[in-house]
Amino acid sequence: MRVVVNRCFGGFSLSAKAVKRLAELQGRKCFFFKCDVKNSYYTPIESDEDGICSTAFDIPNPNEVLRSKKNWMDMTIEERIEQNKLYDKHELTSRPENRADPLLVKVVAELGIEADGRCADLEIVEIPDGIDWEVEEYDGMETIVEKHRSW
């Protein structure tokens, strides 16, 4: 089994080029935006290659789809959960959870160092099939370890 990990201090993340390629392999469109956090308003940008901290979505106008009519603080817990589900449905994350996703592994193999996000040095690690594993991390530097019990 092949798994992607980060091999430097800083943290796991994909570059904009890798996010776009992963979306392509998943059959999704990819649009980049910078966000005005105060107003929750997304402005389109070409990509994040120029160093702007951005968010990617599979929809061309997240302001129409993701903006809630209610203020976050006025929402019920249920409404907040639904809003988060809607956001997660359309976001193209630079920090995928499934590090063994064959498409993620393919992107990192294809792009090499161009797949590395900020403060990342991504590497594909081969582990034996059938191992119950997890990612262990210290200050962003990661290793794959076999799961065990701790008390």
N, C-alpha and C. Protein backbone atom coordinates (compact mmCIF):
# COMPACT_ATOMS: atom_id res chain seq x y z
N MET A 1 0.85 -1.17 0.00
CA MET A 1 0.00 0.00 0.00
C MET A 1 0.89 1.23 0.00
N ARG A 2 0.48 2.24 -0.76
CA ARG A 2 1.23 3.49 -0.83
C ARG A 2 0.47 4.59 -0.10
N VAL A 3 1.21 5.37 0.71
CA VAL A 3 0.62 6.41 1.56
C VAL A 3 1.46 7.68 1.41
N VAL A 4 0.80 8.83 1.38
CA VAL A 4 1.50 10.11 1.26
C VAL A 4 1.65 10.73 2.65
N VAL A 5 2.89 11.14 2.96
CA VAL A 5 3.18 11.81 4.23
C VAL A 5 4.02 13.06 3.96
N ASN A 6 4.10 13.91 4.97
CA ASN A 6 4.95 15.09 4.93
C ASN A 6 6.23 14.78 5.69
N ARG A 7 7.37 15.10 5.08
CA ARG A 7 8.67 14.76 5.67
C ARG A 7 9.45 15.96 6.18
N CYS A 8 8.77 17.07 6.46
CA CYS A 8 9.48 18.22 7.03
C CYS A 8 8.58 18.90 8.05
N PHE A 9 9.19 19.74 8.88
CA PHE A 9 8.41 20.51 9.83
C PHE A 9 7.56 21.51 9.06
N GLY A 10 6.38 21.75 9.53
CA GLY A 10 5.48 22.70 8.88
C GLY A 10 4.09 22.14 8.73
N GLY A 11 3.94 21.06 8.00
CA GLY A 11 2.62 20.45 7.88
C GLY A 11 2.28 19.99 6.48
N PHE A 12 1.44 18.97 6.41
CA PHE A 12 0.99 18.39 5.17
C PHE A 12 0.08 19.37 4.43
N SER A 13 0.38 19.63 3.18
CA SER A 13 -0.55 20.37 2.32
C SER A 13 -0.14 20.18 0.87
N LEU A 14 -1.12 20.30 0.00
CA LEU A 14 -0.91 20.20 -1.43
C LEU A 14 -0.78 21.61 -2.03
N SER A 15 -0.02 21.72 -3.08
CA SER A 15 0.05 22.96 -3.84
C SER A 15 -1.25 23.16 -4.60
N ALA A 16 -1.46 24.37 -5.10
CA ALA A 16 -2.64 24.65 -5.92
C ALA A 16 -2.65 23.76 -7.16
N LYS A 17 -1.49 23.54 -7.74
CA LYS A 17 -1.39 22.68 -8.93
C LYS A 17 -1.84 21.26 -8.60
N ALA A 18 -1.47 20.77 -7.43
CA ALA A 18 -1.87 19.43 -7.01
C ALA A 18 -3.36 19.36 -6.69
N VAL A 19 -3.90 20.39 -6.05
CA VAL A 19 -5.34 20.45 -5.76
C VAL A 19 -6.12 20.40 -7.07
N LYS A 20 -5.66 21.18 -8.05
CA LYS A 20 -6.34 21.22 -9.35
C LYS A 20 -6.25 19.87 -10.06
N ARG A 21 -5.09 19.23 -10.02
CA ARG A 21 -4.92 17.92 -10.68
C ARG A 21 -5.76 16.86 -9.99
N LEU A 22 -5.81 16.87 -8.66
CA LEU A 22 -6.61 15.90 -7.92
C LEU A 22 -8.09 16.07 -8.27
N ALA A 23 -8.55 17.31 -8.34
CA ALA A 23 -9.94 17.57 -8.73
C ALA A 23 -10.22 17.03 -10.13
N GLU A 24 -9.28 17.24 -11.04
CA GLU A 24 -9.42 16.75 -12.41
C GLU A 24 -9.58 15.23 -12.42
N LEU A 25 -8.73 14.53 -11.65
CA LEU A 25 -8.81 13.07 -11.59
C LEU A 25 -10.11 12.59 -10.96
N GLN A 26 -10.69 13.40 -10.09
CA GLN A 26 -11.96 13.06 -9.44
C GLN A 26 -13.16 13.44 -10.31
N GLY A 27 -12.88 14.07 -11.45
CA GLY A 27 -13.97 14.49 -12.33
C GLY A 27 -14.68 15.74 -11.84
N ARG A 28 -13.97 16.57 -11.08
CA ARG A 28 -14.55 17.79 -10.54
C ARG A 28 -13.87 19.01 -11.15
N LYS A 29 -14.60 20.10 -11.25
CA LYS A 29 -14.01 21.37 -11.68
C LYS A 29 -13.27 21.97 -10.50
N CYS A 30 -12.40 22.95 -10.77
CA CYS A 30 -11.62 23.57 -9.70
C CYS A 30 -11.54 25.07 -9.94
N PHE A 31 -12.00 25.83 -8.96
CA PHE A 31 -11.96 27.29 -9.00
C PHE A 31 -11.30 27.77 -7.70
N PHE A 32 -10.40 28.76 -7.82
CA PHE A 32 -9.70 29.29 -6.65
C PHE A 32 -10.27 30.65 -6.26
N PHE A 33 -10.28 30.89 -4.94
CA PHE A 33 -10.83 32.13 -4.40
C PHE A 33 -10.01 32.60 -3.21
N LYS A 34 -9.93 33.91 -3.04
CA LYS A 34 -9.45 34.44 -1.77
C LYS A 34 -10.71 34.85 -1.01
N CYS A 35 -10.63 34.78 0.29
CA CYS A 35 -11.83 35.01 1.10
C CYS A 35 -11.65 36.21 2.02
N ASP A 36 -12.65 37.08 2.02
CA ASP A 36 -12.74 38.14 3.00
C ASP A 36 -13.45 37.52 4.20
N VAL A 37 -12.66 37.13 5.19
CA VAL A 37 -13.20 36.38 6.33
C VAL A 37 -14.28 37.17 7.07
N LYS A 38 -14.06 38.46 7.20
CA LYS A 38 -15.02 39.29 7.93
C LYS A 38 -16.41 39.23 7.31
N ASN A 39 -16.46 39.26 5.98
CA ASN A 39 -17.75 39.27 5.29
C ASN A 39 -18.12 37.93 4.65
N SER A 40 -17.24 36.93 4.80
CA SER A 40 -17.45 35.62 4.17
C SER A 40 -17.75 35.77 2.68
N TYR A 41 -16.95 36.58 2.01
CA TYR A 41 -17.15 36.81 0.59
C TYR A 41 -15.93 36.29 -0.18
N TYR A 42 -16.18 35.48 -1.22
CA TYR A 42 -15.11 34.88 -2.01
C TYR A 42 -14.91 35.64 -3.31
N THR A 43 -13.66 36.01 -3.58
CA THR A 43 -13.28 36.69 -4.81
C THR A 43 -12.45 35.73 -5.66
N PRO A 44 -12.84 35.53 -6.92
CA PRO A 44 -12.09 34.60 -7.77
C PRO A 44 -10.65 35.07 -8.02
N ILE A 45 -9.73 34.11 -8.06
CA ILE A 45 -8.35 34.36 -8.45
C ILE A 45 -7.96 33.26 -9.43
N GLU A 46 -6.90 33.48 -10.18
CA GLU A 46 -6.48 32.51 -11.19
C GLU A 46 -6.05 31.19 -10.55
N SER A 47 -5.17 31.28 -9.54
CA SER A 47 -4.74 30.11 -8.77
C SER A 47 -4.02 30.62 -7.54
N ASP A 48 -3.50 29.72 -6.74
CA ASP A 48 -2.81 30.12 -5.52
C ASP A 48 -1.29 30.09 -5.72
N GLU A 49 -0.83 29.98 -6.95
CA GLU A 49 0.60 29.85 -7.19
C GLU A 49 1.37 31.10 -6.82
N ASP A 50 0.69 32.24 -6.73
CA ASP A 50 1.40 33.48 -6.39
C ASP A 50 1.53 33.66 -4.88
N GLY A 51 1.11 32.69 -4.10
CA GLY A 51 1.31 32.74 -2.66
C GLY A 51 0.14 33.30 -1.87
N ILE A 52 -0.95 33.64 -2.54
CA ILE A 52 -2.13 34.10 -1.82
C ILE A 52 -2.74 32.91 -1.09
N CYS A 53 -3.12 33.10 0.13
CA CYS A 53 -3.80 32.03 0.86
C CYS A 53 -5.21 31.93 0.29
N SER A 54 -5.52 30.80 -0.30
CA SER A 54 -6.80 30.69 -1.01
C SER A 54 -7.56 29.44 -0.60
N THR A 55 -8.76 29.37 -1.14
CA THR A 55 -9.63 28.21 -0.99
C THR A 55 -10.06 27.80 -2.38
N ALA A 56 -10.20 26.50 -2.60
CA ALA A 56 -10.66 26.00 -3.90
C ALA A 56 -12.01 25.30 -3.71
N PHE A 57 -12.88 25.52 -4.68
CA PHE A 57 -14.19 24.90 -4.69
C PHE A 57 -14.46 24.31 -6.07
N ASP A 58 -15.45 23.43 -6.13
CA ASP A 58 -15.84 22.84 -7.41
C ASP A 58 -17.00 23.59 -8.05
N ILE A 59 -17.30 24.77 -7.54
CA ILE A 59 -18.37 25.61 -8.07
C ILE A 59 -17.79 26.99 -8.42
N PRO A 60 -18.29 27.62 -9.50
CA PRO A 60 -17.71 28.89 -9.93
C PRO A 60 -18.07 30.09 -9.06
N ASN A 61 -19.15 30.00 -8.29
CA ASN A 61 -19.52 31.13 -7.44
C ASN A 61 -19.99 30.64 -6.07
N PRO A 62 -19.06 30.44 -5.14
CA PRO A 62 -19.46 29.96 -3.81
C PRO A 62 -20.31 30.97 -3.04
N ASN A 63 -20.25 32.25 -3.43
CA ASN A 63 -21.08 33.25 -2.75
C ASN A 63 -22.56 32.97 -2.93
N GLU A 64 -22.94 32.44 -4.09
CA GLU A 64 -24.35 32.11 -4.34
C GLU A 64 -24.77 30.85 -3.62
N VAL A 65 -23.86 29.88 -3.50
CA VAL A 65 -24.22 28.57 -2.98
C VAL A 65 -23.98 28.44 -1.48
N LEU A 66 -22.88 29.00 -0.99
CA LEU A 66 -22.45 28.75 0.39
C LEU A 66 -22.84 29.82 1.40
N ARG A 67 -23.17 31.00 0.94
CA ARG A 67 -23.52 32.06 1.90
C ARG A 67 -24.87 31.78 2.53
N SER A 68 -24.89 31.81 3.82
CA SER A 68 -26.13 31.57 4.55
C SER A 68 -26.88 32.89 4.73
N LYS A 69 -28.16 32.79 4.80
CA LYS A 69 -28.99 33.98 5.04
C LYS A 69 -28.87 34.43 6.49
N LYS A 70 -28.45 33.49 7.36
CA LYS A 70 -28.34 33.79 8.79
C LYS A 70 -26.88 33.94 9.20
N ASN A 71 -26.67 34.77 10.18
CA ASN A 71 -25.36 34.91 10.81
C ASN A 71 -25.03 33.61 11.53
N TRP A 72 -23.77 33.19 11.47
CA TRP A 72 -23.32 31.95 12.12
C TRP A 72 -23.74 31.89 13.59
N MET A 73 -23.60 32.99 14.29
CA MET A 73 -23.90 33.03 15.72
C MET A 73 -25.40 32.89 16.01
N ASP A 74 -26.23 33.19 15.01
CA ASP A 74 -27.68 33.08 15.19
C ASP A 74 -28.23 31.72 14.77
N MET A 75 -27.38 30.87 14.21
CA MET A 75 -27.83 29.55 13.75
C MET A 75 -27.94 28.57 14.91
N THR A 76 -28.83 27.62 14.73
CA THR A 76 -28.89 26.51 15.68
C THR A 76 -27.73 25.56 15.38
N ILE A 77 -27.46 24.64 16.27
CA ILE A 77 -26.41 23.64 16.04
C ILE A 77 -26.71 22.87 14.76
N GLU A 78 -27.95 22.49 14.57
CA GLU A 78 -28.35 21.73 13.38
C GLU A 78 -28.08 22.53 12.11
N GLU A 79 -28.40 23.82 12.12
CA GLU A 79 -28.16 24.67 10.96
C GLU A 79 -26.66 24.81 10.68
N ARG A 80 -25.86 24.91 11.72
CA ARG A 80 -24.41 24.99 11.56
C ARG A 80 -23.85 23.69 10.96
N ILE A 81 -24.36 22.58 11.42
CA ILE A 81 -23.93 21.27 10.89
C ILE A 81 -24.26 21.19 9.40
N GLU A 82 -25.46 21.60 9.02
CA GLU A 82 -25.87 21.57 7.61
C GLU A 82 -25.02 22.52 6.77
N GLN A 83 -24.72 23.69 7.31
CA GLN A 83 -23.88 24.65 6.60
C GLN A 83 -22.47 24.08 6.39
N ASN A 84 -21.94 23.43 7.41
CA ASN A 84 -20.61 22.80 7.29
C ASN A 84 -20.63 21.67 6.27
N LYS A 85 -21.69 20.88 6.23
CA LYS A 85 -21.81 19.80 5.24
C LYS A 85 -21.82 20.36 3.82
N LEU A 86 -22.54 21.46 3.62
CA LEU A 86 -22.60 22.08 2.31
C LEU A 86 -21.22 22.59 1.88
N TYR A 87 -20.51 23.23 2.81
CA TYR A 87 -19.15 23.72 2.54
C TYR A 87 -18.23 22.55 2.18
N ASP A 88 -18.26 21.50 3.00
CA ASP A 88 -17.40 20.33 2.77
C ASP A 88 -17.70 19.65 1.43
N LYS A 89 -18.95 19.68 1.01
CA LYS A 89 -19.35 19.06 -0.25
C LYS A 89 -18.66 19.73 -1.44
N HIS A 90 -18.41 21.03 -1.35
CA HIS A 90 -17.87 21.78 -2.48
C HIS A 90 -16.40 22.17 -2.34
N GLU A 91 -15.85 22.11 -1.15
CA GLU A 91 -14.45 22.50 -0.97
C GLU A 91 -13.51 21.44 -1.56
N LEU A 92 -12.45 21.91 -2.20
CA LEU A 92 -11.38 21.04 -2.68
C LEU A 92 -10.20 21.29 -1.74
N THR A 93 -10.05 20.43 -0.77
CA THR A 93 -9.09 20.68 0.29
C THR A 93 -7.65 20.45 -0.15
N SER A 94 -6.76 21.21 0.44
CA SER A 94 -5.32 21.00 0.20
C SER A 94 -4.74 20.06 1.25
N ARG A 95 -5.60 19.56 2.14
CA ARG A 95 -5.16 18.64 3.19
C ARG A 95 -6.10 17.42 3.25
N PRO A 96 -6.07 16.58 2.21
CA PRO A 96 -6.97 15.42 2.20
C PRO A 96 -6.70 14.48 3.38
N GLU A 97 -7.77 13.93 3.91
CA GLU A 97 -7.64 13.03 5.06
C GLU A 97 -7.13 11.65 4.67
N ASN A 98 -7.62 11.12 3.55
CA ASN A 98 -7.24 9.76 3.14
C ASN A 98 -5.90 9.79 2.43
N ARG A 99 -4.84 9.56 3.17
CA ARG A 99 -3.49 9.63 2.63
C ARG A 99 -3.15 8.44 1.73
N ALA A 100 -3.99 7.41 1.75
CA ALA A 100 -3.78 6.24 0.90
C ALA A 100 -4.68 6.29 -0.35
N ASP A 101 -5.38 7.39 -0.55
CA ASP A 101 -6.23 7.54 -1.73
C ASP A 101 -5.36 7.37 -2.98
N PRO A 102 -5.68 6.39 -3.83
CA PRO A 102 -4.86 6.16 -5.03
C PRO A 102 -4.73 7.39 -5.93
N LEU A 103 -5.76 8.24 -5.96
CA LEU A 103 -5.67 9.45 -6.78
C LEU A 103 -4.69 10.46 -6.16
N LEU A 104 -4.68 10.57 -4.85
CA LEU A 104 -3.71 11.43 -4.17
C LEU A 104 -2.29 10.93 -4.43
N VAL A 105 -2.09 9.65 -4.28
CA VAL A 105 -0.77 9.05 -4.53
C VAL A 105 -0.34 9.32 -5.97
N LYS A 106 -1.27 9.18 -6.91
CA LYS A 106 -0.97 9.43 -8.33
C LYS A 106 -0.55 10.88 -8.55
N VAL A 107 -1.24 11.81 -7.94
CA VAL A 107 -0.91 13.24 -8.09
C VAL A 107 0.50 13.53 -7.57
N VAL A 108 0.81 13.02 -6.38
CA VAL A 108 2.13 13.26 -5.79
C VAL A 108 3.22 12.60 -6.63
N ALA A 109 2.95 11.41 -7.14
CA ALA A 109 3.92 10.73 -8.00
C ALA A 109 4.13 11.50 -9.31
N GLU A 110 3.05 11.97 -9.90
CA GLU A 110 3.13 12.72 -11.17
C GLU A 110 3.86 14.05 -11.01
N LEU A 111 3.51 14.82 -9.98
CA LEU A 111 4.00 16.19 -9.86
C LEU A 111 5.31 16.32 -9.09
N GLY A 112 5.66 15.29 -8.32
CA GLY A 112 6.89 15.38 -7.53
C GLY A 112 6.85 16.59 -6.60
N ILE A 113 7.94 17.37 -6.58
CA ILE A 113 8.00 18.51 -5.64
C ILE A 113 6.97 19.59 -5.96
N GLU A 114 6.44 19.59 -7.17
CA GLU A 114 5.39 20.56 -7.51
C GLU A 114 4.08 20.26 -6.79
N ALA A 115 3.96 19.09 -6.17
CA ALA A 115 2.77 18.76 -5.39
C ALA A 115 2.85 19.33 -3.98
N ASP A 116 4.05 19.70 -3.55
CA ASP A 116 4.26 20.17 -2.17
C ASP A 116 3.57 21.52 -1.94
N GLY A 117 2.75 21.56 -0.89
CA GLY A 117 2.16 22.83 -0.47
C GLY A 117 3.18 23.61 0.34
N ARG A 118 2.72 24.73 0.89
CA ARG A 118 3.60 25.54 1.73
C ARG A 118 4.11 24.73 2.90
N CYS A 119 5.38 24.84 3.16
CA CYS A 119 6.01 24.15 4.30
C CYS A 119 5.78 22.65 4.25
N ALA A 120 5.74 22.08 3.06
CA ALA A 120 5.53 20.64 2.92
C ALA A 120 6.62 20.03 2.04
N ASP A 121 6.96 18.80 2.35
CA ASP A 121 7.86 17.98 1.55
C ASP A 121 7.21 16.60 1.50
N LEU A 122 6.36 16.41 0.51
CA LEU A 122 5.55 15.20 0.44
C LEU A 122 6.34 14.03 -0.10
N GLU A 123 6.07 12.87 0.48
CA GLU A 123 6.74 11.64 0.06
C GLU A 123 5.73 10.51 0.07
N ILE A 124 5.89 9.59 -0.87
CA ILE A 124 5.05 8.39 -0.92
C ILE A 124 5.81 7.28 -0.21
N VAL A 125 5.16 6.69 0.79
CA VAL A 125 5.76 5.63 1.59
C VAL A 125 5.04 4.32 1.25
N GLU A 126 5.81 3.27 1.05
CA GLU A 126 5.24 1.94 0.79
C GLU A 126 5.17 1.19 2.12
N ILE A 127 3.96 0.75 2.48
CA ILE A 127 3.81 -0.06 3.70
C ILE A 127 3.18 -1.39 3.32
N PRO A 128 3.43 -2.44 4.10
CA PRO A 128 2.86 -3.75 3.77
C PRO A 128 1.33 -3.73 3.78
N ASP A 129 0.71 -4.45 2.86
CA ASP A 129 -0.74 -4.58 2.85
C ASP A 129 -1.20 -5.27 4.13
N GLY A 130 -2.40 -4.94 4.58
CA GLY A 130 -2.99 -5.59 5.74
C GLY A 130 -2.57 -5.00 7.08
N ILE A 131 -1.74 -3.98 7.06
CA ILE A 131 -1.31 -3.35 8.31
C ILE A 131 -2.33 -2.29 8.72
N ASP A 132 -2.72 -2.28 9.98
CA ASP A 132 -3.60 -1.26 10.52
C ASP A 132 -2.69 -0.10 10.92
N TRP A 133 -2.69 0.97 10.15
CA TRP A 133 -1.71 2.04 10.31
C TRP A 133 -2.38 3.37 10.60
N GLU A 134 -1.56 4.33 11.02
CA GLU A 134 -2.01 5.70 11.21
C GLU A 134 -0.83 6.64 11.00
N VAL A 135 -1.12 7.89 10.76
CA VAL A 135 -0.09 8.90 10.60
C VAL A 135 0.22 9.47 11.98
N GLU A 136 1.50 9.47 12.33
CA GLU A 136 1.95 10.09 13.57
C GLU A 136 2.70 11.35 13.17
N GLU A 137 2.46 12.43 13.90
CA GLU A 137 3.00 13.72 13.49
C GLU A 137 3.63 14.45 14.67
N TYR A 138 4.74 15.11 14.41
CA TYR A 138 5.35 16.01 15.38
C TYR A 138 5.70 17.31 14.67
N ASP A 139 5.02 18.40 15.01
CA ASP A 139 5.27 19.72 14.44
C ASP A 139 5.23 19.70 12.91
N GLY A 140 4.37 18.87 12.35
CA GLY A 140 4.20 18.79 10.91
C GLY A 140 4.95 17.65 10.24
N MET A 141 6.03 17.18 10.88
CA MET A 141 6.80 16.06 10.32
C MET A 141 6.06 14.76 10.64
N GLU A 142 5.86 13.93 9.60
CA GLU A 142 5.01 12.75 9.76
C GLU A 142 5.74 11.45 9.49
N THR A 143 5.27 10.42 10.18
CA THR A 143 5.69 9.05 9.91
C THR A 143 4.44 8.18 9.94
N ILE A 144 4.55 7.01 9.32
CA ILE A 144 3.47 6.03 9.37
C ILE A 144 3.83 5.03 10.45
N VAL A 145 2.89 4.76 11.35
CA VAL A 145 3.14 3.78 12.42
C VAL A 145 2.00 2.77 12.42
N GLU A 146 2.34 1.58 12.86
CA GLU A 146 1.29 0.56 13.03
C GLU A 146 0.49 0.94 14.25
N LYS A 147 -0.84 0.84 14.14
CA LYS A 147 -1.71 1.17 15.27
C LYS A 147 -1.49 0.20 16.41
N HIS A 148 -1.53 0.72 17.59
CA HIS A 148 -1.40 -0.11 18.79
C HIS A 148 -2.26 0.51 19.88
N ARG A 149 -2.39 -0.20 20.96
CA ARG A 149 -3.19 0.31 22.06
C ARG A 149 -2.32 1.11 23.02
N SER A 150 -2.87 2.15 23.56
CA SER A 150 -2.17 2.98 24.56
C SER A 150 -3.13 3.29 25.70
N TRP A 151 -2.58 3.36 26.92
CA TRP A 151 -3.39 3.75 28.07
C TRP A 151 -2.69 4.84 28.83
